[in-house]
Amino acid sequence: MPRAPFRLLFVCLGNICRSPAAHAVMRSVVEKAGLTAQIEIDSAGTASWHTGKLPDDRMRLAGQARGYTLDHPARQIQAADLAKHDLVLAMDRENLRNILALDRDRRFADKVRLFCEFCTGHEEQEVPDPYYGGPEGFEHVLDLMEDGCQGILREIQAKL
């Protein structure tokens, strides 16, 4: 019997900058590895402000310049996402706290982690929110995504 796909969820505040960037970069990494049937990717935000909207134009342009398509409409994370996904990656500690608050019975805490735990070429412990900054912030987020997504893929491949 075929194994169910590994389900991965990236989470930031509004689901318009960091988590859709992670979603797009990871999609590219998974496609290049030939694992699209084995790994499902999704993203969400802890807040509902941007639900249904496309990612921030600045993030989309920065991603497009690197060959990524950021086209996932924003949505808010739900408690059911914790049961559905095998790994839930928060962009910062505030997002982590908000995600864990959905897990009232503490059944899923072991699968909720910080994205930067998977980075090997950067020292950051959190992915900074580029929303109020200039273009360099969006570029830095993509640098972190490209680094961390490789580490995530290695961890998932060890489980497949």
C-alpha atoms as a PDB file:
ATOM      1  CA  MET A   1       0.000   0.000   0.000  1.00  0.00           C
ATOM      2  CA  PRO A   2       1.448   3.422  -0.938  1.00  0.00           C
ATOM      3  CA  ARG A   3       2.490   5.695   1.901  1.00  0.00           C
ATOM      4  CA  ALA A   4       0.468   8.890   2.424  1.00  0.00           C
ATOM      5  CA  PRO A   5       2.276  12.054   1.361  1.00  0.00           C
ATOM      6  CA  PHE A   6       4.315  13.951   3.943  1.00  0.00           C
ATOM      7  CA  ARG A   7       2.364  17.147   4.663  1.00  0.00           C
ATOM      8  CA  LEU A   8       4.286  20.329   5.358  1.00  0.00           C
ATOM      9  CA  LEU A   9       2.840  23.671   6.508  1.00  0.00           C
ATOM     10  CA  PHE A  10       4.708  26.995   6.652  1.00  0.00           C
ATOM     11  CA  VAL A  11       3.236  29.686   8.927  1.00  0.00           C
ATOM     12  CA  CYS A  12       3.907  33.412   9.371  1.00  0.00           C
ATOM     13  CA  LEU A  13       1.712  36.277  10.560  1.00  0.00           C
ATOM     14  CA  GLY A  14      -0.368  37.246   7.514  1.00  0.00           C
ATOM     15  CA  ASN A  15       0.576  34.552   4.962  1.00  0.00           C
ATOM     16  CA  ILE A  16       1.626  37.194   2.425  1.00  0.00           C
ATOM     17  CA  CYS A  17       5.440  37.393   2.729  1.00  0.00           C
ATOM     18  CA  ARG A  18       7.464  34.759   4.568  1.00  0.00           C
ATOM     19  CA  SER A  19       5.278  31.663   4.493  1.00  0.00           C
ATOM     20  CA  PRO A  20       4.287  31.988   0.811  1.00  0.00           C
ATOM     21  CA  ALA A  21       7.978  32.489   0.000  1.00  0.00           C
ATOM     22  CA  ALA A  22       8.790  29.287   1.894  1.00  0.00           C
ATOM     23  CA  HIS A  23       5.890  27.565   0.113  1.00  0.00           C
ATOM     24  CA  ALA A  24       7.202  28.576  -3.322  1.00  0.00           C
ATOM     25  CA  VAL A  25      10.860  27.779  -2.599  1.00  0.00           C
ATOM     26  CA  MET A  26       9.975  24.403  -1.076  1.00  0.00           C
ATOM     27  CA  ARG A  27       7.740  23.593  -4.043  1.00  0.00           C
ATOM     28  CA  SER A  28      10.712  24.219  -6.339  1.00  0.00           C
ATOM     29  CA  VAL A  29      13.071  22.146  -4.165  1.00  0.00           C
ATOM     30  CA  VAL A  30      10.588  19.255  -4.036  1.00  0.00           C
ATOM     31  CA  GLU A  31      10.008  19.391  -7.817  1.00  0.00           C
ATOM     32  CA  LYS A  32      13.756  19.301  -8.506  1.00  0.00           C
ATOM     33  CA  ALA A  33      14.076  16.294  -6.189  1.00  0.00           C
ATOM     34  CA  GLY A  34      11.240  14.514  -8.046  1.00  0.00           C
ATOM     35  CA  LEU A  35       9.179  14.189  -4.860  1.00  0.00           C
ATOM     36  CA  THR A  36       5.969  16.067  -5.709  1.00  0.00           C
ATOM     37  CA  ALA A  37       3.882  12.909  -5.189  1.00  0.00           C
ATOM     38  CA  GLN A  38       5.464  12.271  -1.776  1.00  0.00           C
ATOM     39  CA  ILE A  39       5.436  15.788  -0.260  1.00  0.00           C
ATOM     40  CA  GLU A  40       2.470  18.171  -0.008  1.00  0.00           C
ATOM     41  CA  ILE A  41       3.187  21.830   0.757  1.00  0.00           C
ATOM     42  CA  ASP A  42       0.866  24.460   2.194  1.00  0.00           C
ATOM     43  CA  SER A  43       1.151  27.794   3.982  1.00  0.00           C
ATOM     44  CA  ALA A  44      -0.998  29.861   6.320  1.00  0.00           C
ATOM     45  CA  GLY A  45      -0.957  32.868   8.622  1.00  0.00           C
ATOM     46  CA  THR A  46      -1.813  33.200  12.277  1.00  0.00           C
ATOM     47  CA  ALA A  47      -3.895  36.318  11.504  1.00  0.00           C
ATOM     48  CA  SER A  48      -6.810  36.626   9.079  1.00  0.00           C
ATOM     49  CA  TRP A  49      -6.170  40.157   7.755  1.00  0.00           C
ATOM     50  CA  HIS A  50      -5.133  39.069   4.256  1.00  0.00           C
ATOM     51  CA  THR A  51      -7.291  35.956   3.769  1.00  0.00           C
ATOM     52  CA  GLY A  52      -7.872  35.306   0.064  1.00  0.00           C
ATOM     53  CA  LYS A  53      -5.251  37.803  -1.115  1.00  0.00           C
ATOM     54  CA  LEU A  54      -2.164  36.923  -3.142  1.00  0.00           C
ATOM     55  CA  PRO A  55       1.269  37.384  -1.571  1.00  0.00           C
ATOM     56  CA  ASP A  56       2.717  40.874  -1.189  1.00  0.00           C
ATOM     57  CA  ASP A  57       3.752  42.306  -4.584  1.00  0.00           C
ATOM     58  CA  ARG A  58       7.305  42.973  -3.346  1.00  0.00           C
ATOM     59  CA  MET A  59       7.716  39.352  -2.236  1.00  0.00           C
ATOM     60  CA  ARG A  60       6.264  38.109  -5.515  1.00  0.00           C
ATOM     61  CA  LEU A  61       8.683  40.259  -7.524  1.00  0.00           C
ATOM     62  CA  ALA A  62      11.696  39.171  -5.475  1.00  0.00           C
ATOM     63  CA  GLY A  63      10.660  35.539  -5.842  1.00  0.00           C
ATOM     64  CA  GLN A  64       9.981  35.884  -9.552  1.00  0.00           C
ATOM     65  CA  ALA A  65      13.492  37.279 -10.079  1.00  0.00           C
ATOM     66  CA  ARG A  66      14.799  33.980  -8.656  1.00  0.00           C
ATOM     67  CA  GLY A  67      12.413  31.805 -10.647  1.00  0.00           C
ATOM     68  CA  TYR A  68       9.760  31.216  -7.971  1.00  0.00           C
ATOM     69  CA  THR A  69       6.025  31.654  -8.442  1.00  0.00           C
ATOM     70  CA  LEU A  70       4.239  32.953  -5.342  1.00  0.00           C
ATOM     71  CA  ASP A  71       0.588  32.354  -6.124  1.00  0.00           C
ATOM     72  CA  HIS A  72      -0.896  30.825  -2.968  1.00  0.00           C
ATOM     73  CA  PRO A  73      -3.851  32.877  -1.647  1.00  0.00           C
ATOM     74  CA  ALA A  74      -3.520  33.756   2.039  1.00  0.00           C
ATOM     75  CA  ARG A  75      -5.448  31.772   4.597  1.00  0.00           C
ATOM     76  CA  GLN A  76      -5.517  31.574   8.376  1.00  0.00           C
ATOM     77  CA  ILE A  77      -4.236  28.491  10.189  1.00  0.00           C
ATOM     78  CA  GLN A  78      -6.879  26.371  11.915  1.00  0.00           C
ATOM     79  CA  ALA A  79      -6.547  23.879  14.774  1.00  0.00           C
ATOM     80  CA  ALA A  80      -7.312  21.078  12.292  1.00  0.00           C
ATOM     81  CA  ASP A  81      -4.098  21.943  10.421  1.00  0.00           C
ATOM     82  CA  LEU A  82      -2.082  20.610  13.338  1.00  0.00           C
ATOM     83  CA  ALA A  83      -3.589  17.153  12.980  1.00  0.00           C
ATOM     84  CA  LYS A  84      -3.455  17.217   9.176  1.00  0.00           C
ATOM     85  CA  HIS A  85       0.217  18.186   8.736  1.00  0.00           C
ATOM     86  CA  ASP A  86       3.330  16.195   9.639  1.00  0.00           C
ATOM     87  CA  LEU A  87       5.532  19.263  10.158  1.00  0.00           C
ATOM     88  CA  VAL A  88       4.419  22.836  10.898  1.00  0.00           C
ATOM     89  CA  LEU A  89       7.127  25.466  10.575  1.00  0.00           C
ATOM     90  CA  ALA A  90       6.777  28.872  12.221  1.00  0.00           C
ATOM     91  CA  MET A  91       8.753  31.812  10.908  1.00  0.00           C
ATOM     92  CA  ASP A  92       9.287  33.389  14.345  1.00  0.00           C
ATOM     93  CA  ARG A  93       8.660  32.749  18.035  1.00  0.00           C
ATOM     94  CA  GLU A  94       5.451  34.779  18.118  1.00  0.00           C
ATOM     95  CA  ASN A  95       4.040  32.648  15.295  1.00  0.00           C
ATOM     96  CA  LEU A  96       5.201  29.559  17.201  1.00  0.00           C
ATOM     97  CA  ARG A  97       3.329  30.641  20.339  1.00  0.00           C
ATOM     98  CA  ASN A  98       0.180  31.397  18.337  1.00  0.00           C
ATOM     99  CA  ILE A  99       0.306  28.018  16.605  1.00  0.00           C
ATOM    100  CA  LEU A 100       0.844  26.167  19.880  1.00  0.00           C
ATOM    101  CA  ALA A 101      -2.113  28.035  21.405  1.00  0.00           C
ATOM    102  CA  LEU A 102      -4.334  26.172  18.913  1.00  0.00           C
ATOM    103  CA  ASP A 103      -3.118  22.876  20.392  1.00  0.00           C
ATOM    104  CA  ARG A 104      -5.085  22.976  23.642  1.00  0.00           C
ATOM    105  CA  ASP A 105      -4.404  19.308  24.455  1.00  0.00           C
ATOM    106  CA  ARG A 106      -0.677  19.596  23.617  1.00  0.00           C
ATOM    107  CA  ARG A 107      -0.926  16.650  21.213  1.00  0.00           C
ATOM    108  CA  PHE A 108       0.969  18.201  18.326  1.00  0.00           C
ATOM    109  CA  ALA A 109       3.756  20.288  19.910  1.00  0.00           C
ATOM    110  CA  ASP A 110       6.442  17.866  18.701  1.00  0.00           C
ATOM    111  CA  LYS A 111       5.671  18.654  15.056  1.00  0.00           C
ATOM    112  CA  VAL A 112       5.658  22.467  15.423  1.00  0.00           C
ATOM    113  CA  ARG A 113       9.134  23.939  14.971  1.00  0.00           C
ATOM    114  CA  LEU A 114      10.926  27.123  13.968  1.00  0.00           C
ATOM    115  CA  PHE A 115      11.888  27.330  10.292  1.00  0.00           C
ATOM    116  CA  CYS A 116      15.434  28.522  11.034  1.00  0.00           C
ATOM    117  CA  GLU A 117      16.227  25.247  12.829  1.00  0.00           C
ATOM    118  CA  PHE A 118      16.777  23.883   9.321  1.00  0.00           C
ATOM    119  CA  CYS A 119      19.148  26.611   8.098  1.00  0.00           C
ATOM    120  CA  THR A 120      22.806  25.643   7.870  1.00  0.00           C
ATOM    121  CA  GLY A 121      24.283  28.730   6.213  1.00  0.00           C
ATOM    122  CA  HIS A 122      22.671  31.411   8.372  1.00  0.00           C
ATOM    123  CA  GLU A 123      22.804  32.202  12.079  1.00  0.00           C
ATOM    124  CA  GLU A 124      19.301  33.653  12.472  1.00  0.00           C
ATOM    125  CA  GLN A 125      16.912  31.892  14.821  1.00  0.00           C
ATOM    126  CA  GLU A 126      13.859  33.599  13.333  1.00  0.00           C
ATOM    127  CA  VAL A 127      12.911  34.732   9.831  1.00  0.00           C
ATOM    128  CA  PRO A 128      12.539  38.537  10.010  1.00  0.00           C
ATOM    129  CA  ASP A 129       9.319  40.026   8.671  1.00  0.00           C
ATOM    130  CA  PRO A 130      10.230  42.128   5.597  1.00  0.00           C
ATOM    131  CA  TYR A 131       6.833  43.851   5.346  1.00  0.00           C
ATOM    132  CA  TYR A 132       7.865  47.289   6.665  1.00  0.00           C
ATOM    133  CA  GLY A 133      11.349  47.332   5.152  1.00  0.00           C
ATOM    134  CA  GLY A 134      12.935  47.729   1.766  1.00  0.00           C
ATOM    135  CA  PRO A 135      13.786  45.271  -1.019  1.00  0.00           C
ATOM    136  CA  GLU A 136      16.819  43.904   0.832  1.00  0.00           C
ATOM    137  CA  GLY A 137      14.520  42.390   3.465  1.00  0.00           C
ATOM    138  CA  PHE A 138      12.662  40.361   0.864  1.00  0.00           C
ATOM    139  CA  GLU A 139      15.959  39.194  -0.633  1.00  0.00           C
ATOM    140  CA  HIS A 140      17.196  38.155   2.809  1.00  0.00           C
ATOM    141  CA  VAL A 141      13.996  36.166   3.433  1.00  0.00           C
ATOM    142  CA  LEU A 142      14.536  34.324   0.148  1.00  0.00           C
ATOM    143  CA  ASP A 143      18.150  33.593   1.132  1.00  0.00           C
ATOM    144  CA  LEU A 144      16.893  32.045   4.376  1.00  0.00           C
ATOM    145  CA  MET A 145      14.200  30.083   2.521  1.00  0.00           C
ATOM    146  CA  GLU A 146      16.664  28.646   0.033  1.00  0.00           C
ATOM    147  CA  ASP A 147      18.936  27.574   2.898  1.00  0.00           C
ATOM    148  CA  GLY A 148      16.257  26.175   5.214  1.00  0.00           C
ATOM    149  CA  CYS A 149      14.238  24.383   2.552  1.00  0.00           C
ATOM    150  CA  GLN A 150      17.268  22.268   1.682  1.00  0.00           C
ATOM    151  CA  GLY A 151      17.550  21.227   5.329  1.00  0.00           C
ATOM    152  CA  ILE A 152      13.829  20.480   5.494  1.00  0.00           C
ATOM    153  CA  LEU A 153      14.077  18.303   2.393  1.00  0.00           C
ATOM    154  CA  ARG A 154      16.957  16.317   3.937  1.00  0.00           C
ATOM    155  CA  GLU A 155      14.914  15.692   7.083  1.00  0.00           C
ATOM    156  CA  ILE A 156      11.807  14.642   5.157  1.00  0.00           C
ATOM    157  CA  GLN A 157      13.793  12.352   2.853  1.00  0.00           C
ATOM    158  CA  ALA A 158      15.153  10.553   5.921  1.00  0.00           C
ATOM    159  CA  LYS A 159      11.526   9.816   6.912  1.00  0.00           C
ATOM    160  CA  LEU A 160      10.261   8.718   3.484  1.00  0.00           C
END
